N, C-alpha and C. Protein backbone atom coordinates (compact mmCIF):
# COMPACT_ATOMS: atom_id res chain seq x y z
N MET A 1 77.89 -22.70 134.31
CA MET A 1 77.53 -21.93 133.15
C MET A 1 76.05 -21.52 133.20
N LEU A 2 75.23 -22.41 133.64
CA LEU A 2 73.80 -22.11 133.74
C LEU A 2 73.56 -20.96 134.71
N GLY A 3 74.38 -20.92 135.76
CA GLY A 3 74.25 -19.84 136.73
C GLY A 3 74.52 -18.48 136.14
N HIS A 4 75.45 -18.40 135.20
CA HIS A 4 75.76 -17.13 134.55
C HIS A 4 74.58 -16.65 133.71
N ALA A 5 73.97 -17.55 132.98
CA ALA A 5 72.81 -17.19 132.16
C ALA A 5 71.64 -16.79 133.07
N ARG A 6 71.44 -17.57 134.13
CA ARG A 6 70.35 -17.26 135.05
C ARG A 6 70.52 -15.86 135.63
N ARG A 7 71.73 -15.53 135.99
CA ARG A 7 72.01 -14.22 136.59
C ARG A 7 71.62 -13.08 135.65
N LYS A 8 71.93 -13.23 134.38
CA LYS A 8 71.60 -12.19 133.41
C LYS A 8 70.08 -12.04 133.25
N TYR A 9 69.36 -13.15 133.24
CA TYR A 9 67.90 -13.06 133.13
C TYR A 9 67.29 -12.52 134.42
N ASP A 10 67.90 -12.83 135.54
CA ASP A 10 67.44 -12.27 136.81
C ASP A 10 67.57 -10.74 136.78
N GLU A 11 68.70 -10.27 136.26
CA GLU A 11 68.92 -8.84 136.14
C GLU A 11 67.94 -8.19 135.15
N SER A 12 67.50 -8.93 134.15
CA SER A 12 66.63 -8.36 133.12
C SER A 12 65.16 -8.32 133.54
N ARG A 13 64.83 -8.81 134.72
CA ARG A 13 63.45 -8.76 135.20
C ARG A 13 62.86 -7.36 135.16
N GLN A 14 63.67 -6.36 135.42
CA GLN A 14 63.17 -4.99 135.45
C GLN A 14 62.84 -4.49 134.05
N ASN A 15 63.58 -4.92 133.05
CA ASN A 15 63.38 -4.45 131.68
C ASN A 15 62.30 -5.21 130.93
N ASP A 16 62.22 -6.52 131.15
CA ASP A 16 61.27 -7.36 130.42
C ASP A 16 60.84 -8.52 131.32
N PRO A 17 59.99 -8.21 132.29
CA PRO A 17 59.64 -9.21 133.31
C PRO A 17 59.02 -10.50 132.76
N ALA A 18 58.16 -10.41 131.78
CA ALA A 18 57.49 -11.61 131.28
C ALA A 18 58.48 -12.59 130.66
N ARG A 19 59.34 -12.10 129.81
CA ARG A 19 60.32 -12.98 129.17
C ARG A 19 61.34 -13.51 130.18
N ALA A 20 61.77 -12.63 131.06
CA ALA A 20 62.74 -13.05 132.08
C ALA A 20 62.16 -14.15 132.95
N GLU A 21 60.92 -13.99 133.38
CA GLU A 21 60.28 -15.00 134.23
C GLU A 21 60.14 -16.34 133.51
N TYR A 22 59.82 -16.30 132.23
CA TYR A 22 59.71 -17.55 131.48
C TYR A 22 61.04 -18.29 131.46
N VAL A 23 62.10 -17.58 131.10
CA VAL A 23 63.42 -18.21 131.02
C VAL A 23 63.86 -18.70 132.39
N LEU A 24 63.65 -17.89 133.41
CA LEU A 24 64.04 -18.30 134.77
C LEU A 24 63.27 -19.54 135.21
N GLY A 25 62.01 -19.65 134.81
CA GLY A 25 61.23 -20.85 135.12
C GLY A 25 61.79 -22.09 134.45
N GLN A 26 62.21 -21.93 133.20
CA GLN A 26 62.81 -23.06 132.49
C GLN A 26 64.14 -23.47 133.13
N ILE A 27 64.93 -22.48 133.50
CA ILE A 27 66.20 -22.76 134.16
C ILE A 27 65.96 -23.47 135.49
N GLN A 28 64.92 -23.05 136.21
CA GLN A 28 64.60 -23.70 137.49
C GLN A 28 64.28 -25.18 137.27
N LYS A 29 63.59 -25.49 136.19
CA LYS A 29 63.28 -26.89 135.89
C LYS A 29 64.56 -27.70 135.67
N LEU A 30 65.56 -27.08 135.05
CA LEU A 30 66.84 -27.75 134.85
C LEU A 30 67.55 -27.99 136.18
N TYR A 31 67.47 -27.01 137.07
CA TYR A 31 68.05 -27.19 138.41
C TYR A 31 67.38 -28.34 139.15
N VAL A 32 66.07 -28.48 138.98
CA VAL A 32 65.34 -29.58 139.63
C VAL A 32 65.84 -30.93 139.13
N ILE A 33 66.09 -31.03 137.84
CA ILE A 33 66.60 -32.28 137.26
C ILE A 33 67.97 -32.61 137.86
N GLU A 34 68.84 -31.61 137.94
CA GLU A 34 70.18 -31.84 138.51
C GLU A 34 70.11 -32.20 139.99
N ARG A 35 69.22 -31.55 140.71
CA ARG A 35 69.05 -31.85 142.14
C ARG A 35 68.56 -33.28 142.33
N LYS A 36 67.64 -33.70 141.47
CA LYS A 36 67.12 -35.06 141.53
C LYS A 36 68.25 -36.07 141.32
N ALA A 37 69.10 -35.82 140.35
CA ALA A 37 70.22 -36.73 140.09
C ALA A 37 71.14 -36.84 141.29
N LYS A 38 71.42 -35.71 141.91
CA LYS A 38 72.31 -35.69 143.07
C LYS A 38 71.67 -36.40 144.26
N GLU A 39 70.42 -36.05 144.55
CA GLU A 39 69.74 -36.64 145.71
C GLU A 39 69.54 -38.14 145.56
N ASP A 40 69.32 -38.59 144.33
CA ASP A 40 69.11 -40.02 144.08
C ASP A 40 70.43 -40.79 143.98
N GLY A 41 71.56 -40.07 144.01
CA GLY A 41 72.86 -40.72 143.93
C GLY A 41 73.07 -41.48 142.64
N LEU A 42 72.62 -40.90 141.54
CA LEU A 42 72.69 -41.60 140.26
C LEU A 42 74.14 -41.74 139.78
N SER A 43 74.37 -42.79 139.04
CA SER A 43 75.68 -43.01 138.41
C SER A 43 75.82 -42.05 137.24
N VAL A 44 77.01 -41.98 136.69
CA VAL A 44 77.26 -41.11 135.53
C VAL A 44 76.34 -41.50 134.37
N ASP A 45 76.21 -42.79 134.13
CA ASP A 45 75.34 -43.25 133.04
C ASP A 45 73.87 -42.91 133.30
N GLN A 46 73.45 -43.04 134.54
CA GLN A 46 72.07 -42.71 134.89
C GLN A 46 71.81 -41.20 134.76
N ILE A 47 72.80 -40.40 135.13
CA ILE A 47 72.67 -38.95 134.99
C ILE A 47 72.56 -38.59 133.51
N ARG A 48 73.39 -39.20 132.70
CA ARG A 48 73.34 -38.95 131.26
C ARG A 48 71.96 -39.29 130.70
N LYS A 49 71.43 -40.43 131.09
CA LYS A 49 70.10 -40.85 130.62
C LYS A 49 69.03 -39.86 131.09
N LEU A 50 69.09 -39.46 132.35
CA LEU A 50 68.13 -38.51 132.90
C LEU A 50 68.19 -37.18 132.13
N ARG A 51 69.39 -36.70 131.88
CA ARG A 51 69.54 -35.44 131.14
C ARG A 51 68.99 -35.57 129.72
N LEU A 52 69.28 -36.69 129.07
CA LEU A 52 68.77 -36.89 127.71
C LEU A 52 67.25 -36.94 127.68
N GLU A 53 66.66 -37.57 128.67
CA GLU A 53 65.21 -37.73 128.70
C GLU A 53 64.48 -36.48 129.18
N GLU A 54 65.06 -35.75 130.12
CA GLU A 54 64.33 -34.64 130.73
C GLU A 54 64.91 -33.26 130.40
N ALA A 55 66.22 -33.12 130.43
CA ALA A 55 66.82 -31.79 130.23
C ALA A 55 66.89 -31.40 128.76
N VAL A 56 67.25 -32.33 127.90
CA VAL A 56 67.40 -31.99 126.48
C VAL A 56 66.08 -31.47 125.88
N PRO A 57 64.94 -32.10 126.15
CA PRO A 57 63.70 -31.53 125.62
C PRO A 57 63.42 -30.11 126.15
N LEU A 58 63.73 -29.86 127.41
CA LEU A 58 63.55 -28.50 127.95
C LEU A 58 64.47 -27.52 127.25
N LEU A 59 65.71 -27.91 127.04
CA LEU A 59 66.66 -27.03 126.37
C LEU A 59 66.27 -26.79 124.91
N ASP A 60 65.77 -27.81 124.25
CA ASP A 60 65.31 -27.64 122.86
C ASP A 60 64.14 -26.67 122.81
N GLU A 61 63.22 -26.81 123.74
CA GLU A 61 62.06 -25.92 123.81
C GLU A 61 62.50 -24.49 124.09
N LEU A 62 63.43 -24.33 125.03
CA LEU A 62 63.93 -23.00 125.37
C LEU A 62 64.66 -22.38 124.18
N LYS A 63 65.46 -23.17 123.50
CA LYS A 63 66.16 -22.67 122.32
C LYS A 63 65.17 -22.14 121.28
N GLN A 64 64.13 -22.92 121.00
CA GLN A 64 63.15 -22.48 120.02
C GLN A 64 62.42 -21.22 120.49
N TRP A 65 62.10 -21.16 121.77
CA TRP A 65 61.44 -19.97 122.32
C TRP A 65 62.33 -18.76 122.16
N LEU A 66 63.63 -18.90 122.43
CA LEU A 66 64.56 -17.78 122.30
C LEU A 66 64.66 -17.34 120.84
N ILE A 67 64.64 -18.26 119.92
CA ILE A 67 64.69 -17.92 118.50
C ILE A 67 63.43 -17.15 118.09
N ASP A 68 62.29 -17.64 118.56
CA ASP A 68 61.00 -17.04 118.20
C ASP A 68 60.73 -15.70 118.88
N ASN A 69 61.36 -15.50 120.03
CA ASN A 69 61.06 -14.29 120.81
C ASN A 69 62.26 -13.37 120.84
């Protein structure tokens, strides 16, 4: 699902590069979190904890940015 959203913002770079780049940067941070979980071989519970600690704050920030912008 994240890939679908990323694709749309990638396409919007031509229309609104500053906003598109911001969102794409935030999405990239989420990909880094997921890659870390995979590379570290985390358990389901560890992945959940990692997402709660690192991904949820990023998503909350992105949500507020989208509302404000």
